[in-house]
Protein backbone atom coordinates (compact mmCIF):
# COMPACT_ATOMS: atom_id res chain seq x y z
CA UNK A 1 83.02 141.24 110.52
CA UNK A 2 87.03 141.99 110.91
CA UNK A 3 88.65 141.29 108.50
CA UNK A 4 92.03 139.09 108.89
CA UNK A 5 95.31 140.15 109.04
CA UNK A 6 98.61 138.57 108.02
CA UNK A 7 101.14 138.49 110.50
CA UNK A 8 104.76 137.85 109.17
CA UNK A 9 106.76 135.71 110.82
CA UNK A 10 109.18 138.23 112.06
CA UNK A 11 106.02 139.03 114.18
CA UNK A 12 104.88 135.70 115.18
CA UNK A 13 108.41 134.78 116.50
CA UNK A 14 108.37 137.67 118.47
CA UNK A 15 104.94 137.74 120.46
CA UNK A 16 105.88 133.72 120.96
CA UNK A 17 109.14 134.38 122.57
CA UNK A 18 107.27 136.82 124.47
CA UNK A 19 104.83 134.05 125.51
CA UNK A 20 107.55 131.52 125.88
CA UNK A 21 109.04 134.03 128.50
CA UNK A 22 106.04 134.15 130.38
CA UNK A 23 106.76 137.52 131.92
CA UNK A 24 103.34 138.82 131.03
CA UNK A 25 99.91 136.45 130.69
CA UNK A 26 98.26 135.63 127.49
CA UNK A 27 95.64 138.22 127.95
CA UNK A 28 98.31 140.88 128.62
CA UNK A 29 100.06 139.68 124.72
CA UNK A 30 96.44 139.42 123.49
CA UNK A 31 95.70 143.15 124.37
CA UNK A 32 99.34 144.22 123.35
CA UNK A 33 99.32 142.83 119.90
CA UNK A 34 95.76 142.89 118.78
CA UNK A 35 96.23 138.80 118.57
CA UNK A 36 93.47 136.86 120.17
CA UNK A 37 94.90 134.15 122.97
CA UNK A 38 94.65 131.13 121.44
CA UNK A 39 96.66 132.30 118.63
CA UNK A 40 99.61 133.28 120.71
CA UNK A 41 99.28 129.79 122.42
CA UNK A 42 99.75 128.07 119.28
CA UNK A 43 101.98 129.98 117.60
CA UNK A 44 104.38 129.65 121.51
CA UNK A 45 103.75 125.67 121.16
CA UNK A 46 105.24 126.12 117.09
CA UNK A 47 107.96 128.02 119.24
CA UNK A 48 108.69 125.43 121.58
CA UNK A 49 107.93 122.37 118.92
CA UNK A 50 110.53 123.11 116.13
CA UNK A 51 112.04 126.64 116.50
CA UNK A 52 111.86 129.90 114.52
CA UNK A 53 112.60 128.30 111.49
CA UNK A 54 108.89 127.17 111.28
CA UNK A 55 107.71 130.57 110.42
CA UNK A 56 110.17 130.89 107.48
CA UNK A 57 108.15 130.14 104.18
CA UNK A 58 110.03 129.40 101.02
CA UNK A 59 108.80 131.08 98.02
CA UNK A 60 107.44 129.12 95.22
CA UNK A 61 110.36 131.02 93.12
CA UNK A 62 113.08 129.34 95.67
CA UNK A 63 111.76 126.09 95.19
CA UNK A 64 111.75 126.27 91.60
CA UNK A 65 115.03 127.48 91.37
CA UNK A 66 115.83 124.36 94.50
CA UNK A 67 114.65 122.00 92.01
CA UNK A 68 115.97 122.92 88.58
CA UNK A 69 119.63 122.95 90.52
CA UNK A 70 118.90 119.66 91.72
CA UNK A 71 118.14 118.30 88.93
CA UNK A 72 121.12 120.24 86.74
CA UNK A 73 123.41 118.21 89.07
CA UNK A 74 121.58 114.88 88.74
CA UNK A 75 122.26 115.24 85.02
CA UNK A 76 125.60 116.34 85.36
CA UNK A 77 126.31 113.06 87.86
CA UNK A 78 124.86 110.63 85.17
CA UNK A 79 126.92 112.22 82.05
CA UNK A 80 130.33 111.62 84.57
CA UNK A 81 129.11 108.21 85.62
CA UNK A 82 128.47 107.35 81.90
CA UNK A 83 132.02 108.65 81.30
CA UNK A 84 133.96 106.77 83.85
CA UNK A 85 132.29 103.60 82.44
CA UNK A 86 133.47 104.34 78.76
CA UNK A 87 136.93 105.18 80.25
CA UNK A 88 137.35 102.19 82.16
CA UNK A 89 136.24 99.84 79.12
CA UNK A 90 138.64 102.01 76.45
CA UNK A 91 141.40 101.33 78.89
CA UNK A 92 143.93 98.76 77.80
CA UNK A 93 144.02 95.82 79.86
CA UNK A 94 148.14 95.73 79.61
CA UNK A 95 149.24 98.82 79.84
CA UNK A 96 152.35 98.22 82.09
CA UNK A 97 150.41 95.97 85.05
CA UNK A 98 149.71 99.77 86.78
CA UNK A 99 146.56 100.50 84.74
CA UNK A 100 144.96 97.41 85.84
CA UNK A 101 145.52 97.72 89.53
CA UNK A 102 144.29 101.01 89.47
CA UNK A 103 140.79 99.62 87.83
CA UNK A 104 141.12 96.72 89.93
CA UNK A 105 140.40 99.39 93.04
CA UNK A 106 137.90 101.79 91.22
CA UNK A 107 135.53 98.37 90.78
């Protein structure tokens, strides 16, 4: 029984691109790269449908870092909104007429 081989995104892209060029048949590519023709055909369809970014995979660590950054930014947005509302309430209504004009534009 043969064992599955893990192929890199670079390898998949290269083989799929060769298949898309159609310079060689699927059987020729299959024997050259030692990959089943149906697998090459599948990679080719993915390439044509979604491009090379399909084969790139984000790691769980990268995903966790992205979620942490997003959470931190949402918290900061919330704090800034609260500060803005607090400042709007504390701003005197009759400071030279200019302040109320500014508040009217903010609302």
